[in-house]
Amino acid sequence: MKLKFQKNCIFTPTIKSTAMAKIIIEKLGDEEIEQRGVKNWPIWEKEKSRFDWQYSGDEECLVLEGEVTVETEEGNFEIKKGDFVTFKNGLKCIWDVKKPIKKHYNFP
């Protein structure tokens, strides 16, 4: 694959994952956030806590505040402000909210 860069263009790399990954963490630019309509999605908030969770469908979210460690069979995922995260259907995990979390969320 060959990349083309334009003058004065900002390149924002994303974190890639394997096809089997149940959690995908990316950094989106402002333009992509706008195109996806993320700021119009509902907001969910949770205080510092620890709880089990299972996803019965895909969820995407943009973390606005806070920090959480999501513990899975694949390993632990550190998620923080600015992360755009996709949680895949069937994921079983433990949410360990280190700092109160606030996120926009969507079920595509």
PDB file of N, CA and C in Angstrom:
ATOM      1  N   MET A   1       0.830  -1.165   0.000  1.00  0.00           N
ATOM      2  CA  MET A   1       0.000   0.000   0.000  1.00  0.00           C
ATOM      3  C   MET A   1       0.882   1.238   0.000  1.00  0.00           C
ATOM      4  N   LYS A   2       0.577   2.172  -0.853  1.00  0.00           N
ATOM      5  CA  LYS A   2       1.359   3.389  -0.971  1.00  0.00           C
ATOM      6  C   LYS A   2       0.544   4.555  -0.423  1.00  0.00           C
ATOM      7  N   LEU A   3       1.149   5.341   0.473  1.00  0.00           N
ATOM      8  CA  LEU A   3       0.458   6.481   1.062  1.00  0.00           C
ATOM      9  C   LEU A   3       0.848   7.750   0.331  1.00  0.00           C
ATOM     10  N   LYS A   4      -0.142   8.610   0.085  1.00  0.00           N
ATOM     11  CA  LYS A   4       0.108   9.912  -0.521  1.00  0.00           C
ATOM     12  C   LYS A   4      -0.158  10.971   0.531  1.00  0.00           C
ATOM     13  N   PHE A   5       0.732  11.911   0.675  1.00  0.00           N
ATOM     14  CA  PHE A   5       0.553  12.985   1.630  1.00  0.00           C
ATOM     15  C   PHE A   5       0.448  14.299   0.885  1.00  0.00           C
ATOM     16  N   GLN A   6      -0.452  15.146   1.342  1.00  0.00           N
ATOM     17  CA  GLN A   6      -0.598  16.474   0.778  1.00  0.00           C
ATOM     18  C   GLN A   6       0.063  17.468   1.715  1.00  0.00           C
ATOM     19  N   LYS A   7       0.486  18.580   1.164  1.00  0.00           N
ATOM     20  CA  LYS A   7       1.092  19.634   1.963  1.00  0.00           C
ATOM     21  C   LYS A   7       0.077  20.134   2.991  1.00  0.00           C
ATOM     22  N   ASN A   8       0.535  20.407   4.208  1.00  0.00           N
ATOM     23  CA  ASN A   8      -0.299  20.908   5.306  1.00  0.00           C
ATOM     24  C   ASN A   8      -1.388  19.936   5.732  1.00  0.00           C
ATOM     25  N   CYS A   9      -1.215  18.654   5.468  1.00  0.00           N
ATOM     26  CA  CYS A   9      -2.182  17.635   5.858  1.00  0.00           C
ATOM     27  C   CYS A   9      -1.739  17.015   7.176  1.00  0.00           C
ATOM     28  N   ILE A  10      -2.694  16.834   8.079  1.00  0.00           N
ATOM     29  CA  ILE A  10      -2.384  16.197   9.359  1.00  0.00           C
ATOM     30  C   ILE A  10      -2.698  14.716   9.252  1.00  0.00           C
ATOM     31  N   PHE A  11      -1.737  13.875   9.548  1.00  0.00           N
ATOM     32  CA  PHE A  11      -1.925  12.427   9.507  1.00  0.00           C
ATOM     33  C   PHE A  11      -2.079  11.934  10.935  1.00  0.00           C
ATOM     34  N   THR A  12      -3.227  11.303  11.220  1.00  0.00           N
ATOM     35  CA  THR A  12      -3.481  10.763  12.552  1.00  0.00           C
ATOM     36  C   THR A  12      -3.467   9.244  12.473  1.00  0.00           C
ATOM     37  N   PRO A  13      -2.428   8.597  12.988  1.00  0.00           N
ATOM     38  CA  PRO A  13      -2.392   7.130  12.936  1.00  0.00           C
ATOM     39  C   PRO A  13      -3.436   6.529  13.879  1.00  0.00           C
ATOM     40  N   THR A  14      -3.906   5.352  13.528  1.00  0.00           N
ATOM     41  CA  THR A  14      -4.845   4.645  14.392  1.00  0.00           C
ATOM     42  C   THR A  14      -4.184   3.374  14.891  1.00  0.00           C
ATOM     43  N   ILE A  15      -4.712   2.856  15.975  1.00  0.00           N
ATOM     44  CA  ILE A  15      -4.211   1.600  16.516  1.00  0.00           C
ATOM     45  C   ILE A  15      -4.959   0.480  15.809  1.00  0.00           C
ATOM     46  N   LYS A  16      -4.256  -0.345  15.101  1.00  0.00           N
ATOM     47  CA  LYS A  16      -4.870  -1.450  14.371  1.00  0.00           C
ATOM     48  C   LYS A  16      -4.942  -2.676  15.261  1.00  0.00           C
ATOM     49  N   SER A  17      -5.860  -3.542  14.961  1.00  0.00           N
ATOM     50  CA  SER A  17      -5.994  -4.764  15.736  1.00  0.00           C
ATOM     51  C   SER A  17      -6.214  -5.930  14.794  1.00  0.00           C
ATOM     52  N   THR A  18      -6.139  -7.109  15.341  1.00  0.00           N
ATOM     53  CA  THR A  18      -6.366  -8.300  14.537  1.00  0.00           C
ATOM     54  C   THR A  18      -7.852  -8.472  14.293  1.00  0.00           C
ATOM     55  N   ALA A  19      -8.211  -9.285  13.326  1.00  0.00           N
ATOM     56  CA  ALA A  19      -9.612  -9.523  12.989  1.00  0.00           C
ATOM     57  C   ALA A  19     -10.371 -10.153  14.152  1.00  0.00           C
ATOM     58  N   MET A  20      -9.673 -10.831  15.049  1.00  0.00           N
ATOM     59  CA  MET A  20     -10.321 -11.515  16.157  1.00  0.00           C
ATOM     60  C   MET A  20     -10.509 -10.605  17.378  1.00  0.00           C
ATOM     61  N   ALA A  21      -9.954  -9.406  17.345  1.00  0.00           N
ATOM     62  CA  ALA A  21     -10.022  -8.521  18.505  1.00  0.00           C
ATOM     63  C   ALA A  21     -11.453  -8.149  18.843  1.00  0.00           C
ATOM     64  N   LYS A  22     -11.753  -8.123  20.121  1.00  0.00           N
ATOM     65  CA  LYS A  22     -13.084  -7.745  20.595  1.00  0.00           C
ATOM     66  C   LYS A  22     -13.129  -6.281  21.016  1.00  0.00           C
ATOM     67  N   ILE A  23     -11.946  -5.648  21.125  1.00  0.00           N
ATOM     68  CA  ILE A  23     -11.868  -4.224  21.446  1.00  0.00           C
ATOM     69  C   ILE A  23     -10.909  -3.570  20.459  1.00  0.00           C
ATOM     70  N   ILE A  24     -11.364  -2.496  19.833  1.00  0.00           N
ATOM     71  CA  ILE A  24     -10.538  -1.754  18.884  1.00  0.00           C
ATOM     72  C   ILE A  24     -10.469  -0.311  19.386  1.00  0.00           C
ATOM     73  N   ILE A  25      -9.255   0.181  19.612  1.00  0.00           N
ATOM     74  CA  ILE A  25      -9.049   1.542  20.110  1.00  0.00           C
ATOM     75  C   ILE A  25      -8.402   2.362  19.002  1.00  0.00           C
ATOM     76  N   GLU A  26      -9.017   3.511  18.711  1.00  0.00           N
ATOM     77  CA  GLU A  26      -8.517   4.390  17.653  1.00  0.00           C
ATOM     78  C   GLU A  26      -8.482   5.835  18.159  1.00  0.00           C
ATOM     79  N   LYS A  27      -7.786   6.657  17.424  1.00  0.00           N
ATOM     80  CA  LYS A  27      -7.816   8.108  17.626  1.00  0.00           C
ATOM     81  C   LYS A  27      -8.405   8.698  16.352  1.00  0.00           C
ATOM     82  N   LEU A  28      -9.552   9.363  16.478  1.00  0.00           N
ATOM     83  CA  LEU A  28     -10.198   9.980  15.323  1.00  0.00           C
ATOM     84  C   LEU A  28      -9.897  11.472  15.297  1.00  0.00           C
ATOM     85  N   GLY A  29      -9.758  12.005  14.098  1.00  0.00           N
ATOM     86  CA  GLY A  29      -9.608  13.442  13.944  1.00  0.00           C
ATOM     87  C   GLY A  29     -10.963  14.128  14.066  1.00  0.00           C
ATOM     88  N   ASP A  30     -10.935  15.431  14.262  1.00  0.00           N
ATOM     89  CA  ASP A  30     -12.176  16.200  14.406  1.00  0.00           C
ATOM     90  C   ASP A  30     -13.106  16.026  13.211  1.00  0.00           C
ATOM     91  N   GLU A  31     -12.539  15.959  12.019  1.00  0.00           N
ATOM     92  CA  GLU A  31     -13.358  15.824  10.806  1.00  0.00           C
ATOM     93  C   GLU A  31     -14.122  14.498  10.803  1.00  0.00           C
ATOM     94  N   GLU A  32     -13.462  13.421  11.166  1.00  0.00           N
ATOM     95  CA  GLU A  32     -14.128  12.120  11.188  1.00  0.00           C
ATOM     96  C   GLU A  32     -15.182  12.052  12.297  1.00  0.00           C
ATOM     97  N   ILE A  33     -14.894  12.661  13.440  1.00  0.00           N
ATOM     98  CA  ILE A  33     -15.881  12.726  14.524  1.00  0.00           C
ATOM     99  C   ILE A  33     -17.133  13.448  14.032  1.00  0.00           C
ATOM    100  N   GLU A  34     -16.931  14.540  13.314  1.00  0.00           N
ATOM    101  CA  GLU A  34     -18.049  15.308  12.756  1.00  0.00           C
ATOM    102  C   GLU A  34     -18.817  14.483  11.719  1.00  0.00           C
ATOM    103  N   GLN A  35     -18.099  13.814  10.813  1.00  0.00           N
ATOM    104  CA  GLN A  35     -18.743  13.017   9.762  1.00  0.00           C
ATOM    105  C   GLN A  35     -19.592  11.883  10.333  1.00  0.00           C
ATOM    106  N   ARG A  36     -19.134  11.286  11.418  1.00  0.00           N
ATOM    107  CA  ARG A  36     -19.872  10.173  12.034  1.00  0.00           C
ATOM    108  C   ARG A  36     -21.026  10.650  12.916  1.00  0.00           C
ATOM    109  N   GLY A  37     -21.080  11.953  13.190  1.00  0.00           N
ATOM    110  CA  GLY A  37     -22.132  12.501  14.034  1.00  0.00           C
ATOM    111  C   GLY A  37     -21.998  12.131  15.499  1.00  0.00           C
ATOM    112  N   VAL A  38     -20.777  11.868  15.940  1.00  0.00           N
ATOM    113  CA  VAL A  38     -20.524  11.377  17.295  1.00  0.00           C
ATOM    114  C   VAL A  38     -21.076  12.322  18.361  1.00  0.00           C
ATOM    115  N   LYS A  39     -20.966  13.620  18.146  1.00  0.00           N
ATOM    116  CA  LYS A  39     -21.401  14.583  19.166  1.00  0.00           C
ATOM    117  C   LYS A  39     -22.919  14.588  19.349  1.00  0.00           C
ATOM    118  N   ASN A  40     -23.649  13.935  18.454  1.00  0.00           N
ATOM    119  CA  ASN A  40     -25.103  13.813  18.585  1.00  0.00           C
ATOM    120  C   ASN A  40     -25.519  12.517  19.276  1.00  0.00           C
ATOM    121  N   TRP A  41     -24.571  11.633  19.559  1.00  0.00           N
ATOM    122  CA  TRP A  41     -24.878  10.369  20.228  1.00  0.00           C
ATOM    123  C   TRP A  41     -25.205  10.647  21.701  1.00  0.00           C
ATOM    124  N   PRO A  42     -25.947   9.739  22.342  1.00  0.00           N
ATOM    125  CA  PRO A  42     -26.223   9.891  23.775  1.00  0.00           C
ATOM    126  C   PRO A  42     -24.924   9.849  24.588  1.00  0.00           C
ATOM    127  N   ILE A  43     -25.014  10.326  25.818  1.00  0.00           N
ATOM    128  CA  ILE A  43     -23.868  10.320  26.735  1.00  0.00           C
ATOM    129  C   ILE A  43     -24.157   9.376  27.896  1.00  0.00           C
ATOM    130  N   TRP A  44     -23.137   8.600  28.273  1.00  0.00           N
ATOM    131  CA  TRP A  44     -23.210   7.697  29.426  1.00  0.00           C
ATOM    132  C   TRP A  44     -22.105   8.093  30.389  1.00  0.00           C
ATOM    133  N   GLU A  45     -22.428   8.099  31.681  1.00  0.00           N
ATOM    134  CA  GLU A  45     -21.452   8.436  32.711  1.00  0.00           C
ATOM    135  C   GLU A  45     -21.461   7.371  33.799  1.00  0.00           C
ATOM    136  N   LYS A  46     -20.293   7.139  34.393  1.00  0.00           N
ATOM    137  CA  LYS A  46     -20.179   6.151  35.473  1.00  0.00           C
ATOM    138  C   LYS A  46     -19.092   6.603  36.437  1.00  0.00           C
ATOM    139  N   GLU A  47     -19.409   6.507  37.735  1.00  0.00           N
ATOM    140  CA  GLU A  47     -18.438   6.864  38.770  1.00  0.00           C
ATOM    141  C   GLU A  47     -17.364   5.778  38.869  1.00  0.00           C
ATOM    142  N   LYS A  48     -16.354   6.065  39.652  1.00  0.00           N
ATOM    143  CA  LYS A  48     -15.284   5.095  39.910  1.00  0.00           C
ATOM    144  C   LYS A  48     -15.925   3.825  40.464  1.00  0.00           C
ATOM    145  N   SER A  49     -15.684   2.696  39.811  1.00  0.00           N
ATOM    146  CA  SER A  49     -16.329   1.428  40.179  1.00  0.00           C
ATOM    147  C   SER A  49     -15.682   0.276  39.429  1.00  0.00           C
ATOM    148  N   ARG A  50     -16.167  -0.919  39.731  1.00  0.00           N
ATOM    149  CA  ARG A  50     -15.688  -2.144  39.065  1.00  0.00           C
ATOM    150  C   ARG A  50     -16.891  -3.055  38.892  1.00  0.00           C
ATOM    151  N   PHE A  51     -17.109  -3.539  37.646  1.00  0.00           N
ATOM    152  CA  PHE A  51     -18.281  -4.372  37.381  1.00  0.00           C
ATOM    153  C   PHE A  51     -18.062  -5.258  36.161  1.00  0.00           C
ATOM    154  N   ASP A  52     -18.784  -6.383  36.133  1.00  0.00           N
ATOM    155  CA  ASP A  52     -18.784  -7.292  34.985  1.00  0.00           C
ATOM    156  C   ASP A  52     -19.699  -6.735  33.905  1.00  0.00           C
ATOM    157  N   TRP A  53     -19.355  -7.001  32.630  1.00  0.00           N
ATOM    158  CA  TRP A  53     -20.197  -6.561  31.517  1.00  0.00           C
ATOM    159  C   TRP A  53     -20.079  -7.544  30.363  1.00  0.00           C
ATOM    160  N   GLN A  54     -21.162  -7.704  29.613  1.00  0.00           N
ATOM    161  CA  GLN A  54     -21.164  -8.512  28.396  1.00  0.00           C
ATOM    162  C   GLN A  54     -21.917  -7.745  27.321  1.00  0.00           C
ATOM    163  N   TYR A  55     -21.338  -7.689  26.123  1.00  0.00           N
ATOM    164  CA  TYR A  55     -21.930  -6.958  25.012  1.00  0.00           C
ATOM    165  C   TYR A  55     -22.815  -7.883  24.187  1.00  0.00           C
ATOM    166  N   SER A  56     -24.074  -7.464  23.989  1.00  0.00           N
ATOM    167  CA  SER A  56     -25.018  -8.250  23.190  1.00  0.00           C
ATOM    168  C   SER A  56     -25.163  -7.661  21.794  1.00  0.00           C
ATOM    169  N   GLY A  57     -24.245  -6.812  21.413  1.00  0.00           N
ATOM    170  CA  GLY A  57     -24.168  -6.206  20.085  1.00  0.00           C
ATOM    171  C   GLY A  57     -22.930  -5.332  20.066  1.00  0.00           C
ATOM    172  N   ASP A  58     -22.541  -4.845  18.899  1.00  0.00           N
ATOM    173  CA  ASP A  58     -21.389  -3.943  18.806  1.00  0.00           C
ATOM    174  C   ASP A  58     -21.741  -2.598  19.445  1.00  0.00           C
ATOM    175  N   GLU A  59     -20.756  -1.976  20.068  1.00  0.00           N
ATOM    176  CA  GLU A  59     -20.898  -0.611  20.577  1.00  0.00           C
ATOM    177  C   GLU A  59     -19.673   0.175  20.167  1.00  0.00           C
ATOM    178  N   GLU A  60     -19.876   1.433  19.759  1.00  0.00           N
ATOM    179  CA  GLU A  60     -18.765   2.340  19.522  1.00  0.00           C
ATOM    180  C   GLU A  60     -18.948   3.517  20.474  1.00  0.00           C
ATOM    181  N   CYS A  61     -17.825   4.061  20.935  1.00  0.00           N
ATOM    182  CA  CYS A  61     -17.917   5.191  21.851  1.00  0.00           C
ATOM    183  C   CYS A  61     -16.703   6.092  21.728  1.00  0.00           C
ATOM    184  N   LEU A  62     -16.904   7.343  22.116  1.00  0.00           N
ATOM    185  CA  LEU A  62     -15.818   8.317  22.199  1.00  0.00           C
ATOM    186  C   LEU A  62     -15.738   8.765  23.646  1.00  0.00           C
ATOM    187  N   VAL A  63     -14.594   8.531  24.273  1.00  0.00           N
ATOM    188  CA  VAL A  63     -14.414   8.877  25.681  1.00  0.00           C
ATOM    189  C   VAL A  63     -14.127  10.371  25.795  1.00  0.00           C
ATOM    190  N   LEU A  64     -14.983  11.052  26.560  1.00  0.00           N
ATOM    191  CA  LEU A  64     -14.854  12.490  26.773  1.00  0.00           C
ATOM    192  C   LEU A  64     -14.055  12.820  28.025  1.00  0.00           C
ATOM    193  N   GLU A  65     -14.186  11.978  29.054  1.00  0.00           N
ATOM    194  CA  GLU A  65     -13.483  12.178  30.321  1.00  0.00           C
ATOM    195  C   GLU A  65     -13.224  10.829  30.974  1.00  0.00           C
ATOM    196  N   GLY A  66     -12.212  10.793  31.830  1.00  0.00           N
ATOM    197  CA  GLY A  66     -11.982   9.627  32.661  1.00  0.00           C
ATOM    198  C   GLY A  66     -10.997   8.614  32.125  1.00  0.00           C
ATOM    199  N   GLU A  67     -10.865   7.538  32.906  1.00  0.00           N
ATOM    200  CA  GLU A  67      -9.970   6.427  32.557  1.00  0.00           C
ATOM    201  C   GLU A  67     -10.589   5.130  33.042  1.00  0.00           C
ATOM    202  N   VAL A  68     -10.462   4.090  32.231  1.00  0.00           N
ATOM    203  CA  VAL A  68     -10.977   2.772  32.587  1.00  0.00           C
ATOM    204  C   VAL A  68     -10.011   1.709  32.078  1.00  0.00           C
ATOM    205  N   THR A  69      -9.888   0.629  32.837  1.00  0.00           N
ATOM    206  CA  THR A  69      -9.190  -0.559  32.356  1.00  0.00           C
ATOM    207  C   THR A  69     -10.274  -1.591  32.088  1.00  0.00           C
ATOM    208  N   VAL A  70     -10.315  -2.088  30.852  1.00  0.00           N
ATOM    209  CA  VAL A  70     -11.267  -3.140  30.495  1.00  0.00           C
ATOM    210  C   VAL A  70     -10.472  -4.444  30.443  1.00  0.00           C
ATOM    211  N   GLU A  71     -10.837  -5.358  31.326  1.00  0.00           N
ATOM    212  CA  GLU A  71     -10.137  -6.638  31.447  1.00  0.00           C
ATOM    213  C   GLU A  71     -10.870  -7.698  30.639  1.00  0.00           C
ATOM    214  N   THR A  72     -10.146  -8.378  29.719  1.00  0.00           N
ATOM    215  CA  THR A  72     -10.729  -9.404  28.862  1.00  0.00           C
ATOM    216  C   THR A  72      -9.819 -10.627  28.843  1.00  0.00           C
ATOM    217  N   GLU A  73     -10.296 -11.681  28.175  1.00  0.00           N
ATOM    218  CA  GLU A  73      -9.462 -12.872  27.983  1.00  0.00           C
ATOM    219  C   GLU A  73      -8.266 -12.562  27.091  1.00  0.00           C
ATOM    220  N   GLU A  74      -8.372 -11.533  26.231  1.00  0.00           N
ATOM    221  CA  GLU A  74      -7.284 -11.129  25.335  1.00  0.00           C
ATOM    222  C   GLU A  74      -6.232 -10.294  26.052  1.00  0.00           C
ATOM    223  N   GLY A  75      -6.578  -9.790  27.243  1.00  0.00           N
ATOM    224  CA  GLY A  75      -5.675  -8.913  27.981  1.00  0.00           C
ATOM    225  C   GLY A  75      -6.423  -7.698  28.491  1.00  0.00           C
ATOM    226  N   ASN A  76      -5.678  -6.771  29.079  1.00  0.00           N
ATOM    227  CA  ASN A  76      -6.263  -5.555  29.625  1.00  0.00           C
ATOM    228  C   ASN A  76      -6.086  -4.411  28.635  1.00  0.00           C
ATOM    229  N   PHE A  77      -7.110  -3.574  28.529  1.00  0.00           N
ATOM    230  CA  PHE A  77      -7.101  -2.437  27.614  1.00  0.00           C
ATOM    231  C   PHE A  77      -7.278  -1.164  28.425  1.00  0.00           C
ATOM    232  N   GLU A  78      -6.312  -0.264  28.323  1.00  0.00           N
ATOM    233  CA  GLU A  78      -6.368   1.027  29.006  1.00  0.00           C
ATOM    234  C   GLU A  78      -7.061   2.012  28.063  1.00  0.00           C
ATOM    235  N   ILE A  79      -8.166   2.586  28.522  1.00  0.00           N
ATOM    236  CA  ILE A  79      -8.973   3.487  27.694  1.00  0.00           C
ATOM    237  C   ILE A  79      -9.076   4.815  28.435  1.00  0.00           C
ATOM    238  N   LYS A  80      -8.881   5.922  27.688  1.00  0.00           N
ATOM    239  CA  LYS A  80      -8.862   7.246  28.318  1.00  0.00           C
ATOM    240  C   LYS A  80      -9.456   8.298  27.383  1.00  0.00           C
ATOM    241  N   LYS A  81      -9.509   9.502  27.896  1.00  0.00           N
ATOM    242  CA  LYS A  81     -10.050  10.641  27.158  1.00  0.00           C
ATOM    243  C   LYS A  81      -9.466  10.707  25.747  1.00  0.00           C
ATOM    244  N   GLY A  82     -10.359  10.870  24.762  1.00  0.00           N
ATOM    245  CA  GLY A  82      -9.924  11.000  23.371  1.00  0.00           C
ATOM    246  C   GLY A  82      -9.928   9.697  22.595  1.00  0.00           C
ATOM    247  N   ASP A  83     -10.069   8.567  23.274  1.00  0.00           N
ATOM    248  CA  ASP A  83     -10.085   7.270  22.590  1.00  0.00           C
ATOM    249  C   ASP A  83     -11.457   7.018  21.961  1.00  0.00           C
ATOM    250  N   PHE A  84     -11.444   6.539  20.730  1.00  0.00           N
ATOM    251  CA  PHE A  84     -12.656   6.053  20.071  1.00  0.00           C
ATOM    252  C   PHE A  84     -12.557   4.535  20.114  1.00  0.00           C
ATOM    253  N   VAL A  85     -13.519   3.905  20.764  1.00  0.00           N
ATOM    254  CA  VAL A  85     -13.423   2.474  21.037  1.00  0.00           C
ATOM    255  C   VAL A  85     -14.605   1.733  20.437  1.00  0.00           C
ATOM    256  N   THR A  86     -14.321   0.588  19.823  1.00  0.00           N
ATOM    257  CA  THR A  86     -15.365  -0.320  19.355  1.00  0.00           C
ATOM    258  C   THR A  86     -15.284  -1.584  20.193  1.00  0.00           C
ATOM    259  N   PHE A  87     -16.391  -1.906  20.849  1.00  0.00           N
ATOM    260  CA  PHE A  87     -16.528  -3.141  21.614  1.00  0.00           C
ATOM    261  C   PHE A  87     -17.365  -4.084  20.756  1.00  0.00           C
ATOM    262  N   LYS A  88     -16.861  -5.277  20.481  1.00  0.00           N
ATOM    263  CA  LYS A  88     -17.524  -6.200  19.566  1.00  0.00           C
ATOM    264  C   LYS A  88     -18.542  -7.092  20.282  1.00  0.00           C
ATOM    265  N   ASN A  89     -19.547  -7.477  19.535  1.00  0.00           N
ATOM    266  CA  ASN A  89     -20.609  -8.361  20.010  1.00  0.00           C
ATOM    267  C   ASN A  89     -20.017  -9.602  20.680  1.00  0.00           C
ATOM    268  N   GLY A  90     -20.568  -9.959  21.848  1.00  0.00           N
ATOM    269  CA  GLY A  90     -20.136 -11.167  22.544  1.00  0.00           C
ATOM    270  C   GLY A  90     -19.012 -10.969  23.540  1.00  0.00           C
ATOM    271  N   LEU A  91     -18.402  -9.773  23.570  1.00  0.00           N
ATOM    272  CA  LEU A  91     -17.309  -9.514  24.499  1.00  0.00           C
ATOM    273  C   LEU A  91     -17.781  -9.652  25.942  1.00  0.00           C
ATOM    274  N   LYS A  92     -17.053 -10.446  26.719  1.00  0.00           N
ATOM    275  CA  LYS A  92     -17.265 -10.541  28.166  1.00  0.00           C
ATOM    276  C   LYS A  92     -16.057  -9.893  28.823  1.00  0.00           C
ATOM    277  N   CYS A  93     -16.309  -8.990  29.769  1.00  0.00           N
ATOM    278  CA  CYS A  93     -15.198  -8.249  30.342  1.00  0.00           C
ATOM    279  C   CYS A  93     -15.545  -7.732  31.729  1.00  0.00           C
ATOM    280  N   ILE A  94     -14.535  -7.145  32.353  1.00  0.00           N
ATOM    281  CA  ILE A  94     -14.701  -6.437  33.613  1.00  0.00           C
ATOM    282  C   ILE A  94     -14.275  -4.999  33.363  1.00  0.00           C
ATOM    283  N   TRP A  95     -15.143  -4.065  33.708  1.00  0.00           N
ATOM    284  CA  TRP A  95     -14.822  -2.637  33.640  1.00  0.00           C
ATOM    285  C   TRP A  95     -14.293  -2.210  35.003  1.00  0.00           C
ATOM    286  N   ASP A  96     -13.083  -1.665  35.031  1.00  0.00           N
ATOM    287  CA  ASP A  96     -12.491  -1.111  36.238  1.00  0.00           C
ATOM    288  C   ASP A  96     -12.312   0.390  35.996  1.00  0.00           C
ATOM    289  N   VAL A  97     -13.298   1.162  36.419  1.00  0.00           N
ATOM    290  CA  VAL A  97     -13.299   2.608  36.180  1.00  0.00           C
ATOM    291  C   VAL A  97     -12.381   3.261  37.213  1.00  0.00           C
ATOM    292  N   LYS A  98     -11.245   3.770  36.728  1.00  0.00           N
ATOM    293  CA  LYS A  98     -10.224   4.366  37.600  1.00  0.00           C
ATOM    294  C   LYS A  98     -10.543   5.822  37.936  1.00  0.00           C
ATOM    295  N   LYS A  99     -11.038   6.568  36.925  1.00  0.00           N
ATOM    296  CA  LYS A  99     -11.479   7.951  37.080  1.00  0.00           C
ATOM    297  C   LYS A  99     -12.854   8.027  36.436  1.00  0.00           C
ATOM    298  N   PRO A 100     -13.814   8.752  37.042  1.00  0.00           N
ATOM    299  CA  PRO A 100     -15.171   8.793  36.494  1.00  0.00           C
ATOM    300  C   PRO A 100     -15.176   8.992  34.973  1.00  0.00           C
ATOM    301  N   ILE A 101     -15.973   8.159  34.300  1.00  0.00           N
ATOM    302  CA  ILE A 101     -15.971   8.115  32.840  1.00  0.00           C
ATOM    303  C   ILE A 101     -17.210   8.793  32.274  1.00  0.00           C
ATOM    304  N   LYS A 102     -17.004   9.469  31.148  1.00  0.00           N
ATOM    305  CA  LYS A 102     -18.090  10.104  30.408  1.00  0.00           C
ATOM    306  C   LYS A 102     -17.816   9.840  28.944  1.00  0.00           C
ATOM    307  N   LYS A 103     -18.800   9.292  28.238  1.00  0.00           N
ATOM    308  CA  LYS A 103     -18.567   8.930  26.835  1.00  0.00           C
ATOM    309  C   LYS A 103     -19.832   9.108  25.993  1.00  0.00           C
ATOM    310  N   HIS A 104     -19.628   9.445  24.723  1.00  0.00           N
ATOM    311  CA  HIS A 104     -20.695   9.348  23.726  1.00  0.00           C
ATOM    312  C   HIS A 104     -20.712   7.888  23.301  1.00  0.00           C
ATOM    313  N   TYR A 105     -21.901   7.304  23.091  1.00  0.00           N
ATOM    314  CA  TYR A 105     -21.971   5.907  22.680  1.00  0.00           C
ATOM    315  C   TYR A 105     -23.027   5.700  21.585  1.00  0.00           C
ATOM    316  N   ASN A 106     -22.829   4.611  20.833  1.00  0.00           N
ATOM    317  CA  ASN A 106     -23.714   4.292  19.706  1.00  0.00           C
ATOM    318  C   ASN A 106     -23.702   2.787  19.484  1.00  0.00           C
ATOM    319  N   PHE A 107     -24.864   2.253  19.103  1.00  0.00           N
ATOM    320  CA  PHE A 107     -24.986   0.838  18.734  1.00  0.00           C
ATOM    321  C   PHE A 107     -25.297   0.789  17.242  1.00  0.00           C
ATOM    322  N   PRO A 108     -24.252   0.618  16.410  1.00  0.00           N
ATOM    323  CA  PRO A 108     -24.466   0.692  14.938  1.00  0.00           C
ATOM    324  C   PRO A 108     -25.303  -0.462  14.397  1.00  0.00           C
TER     325      PRO A 108
END
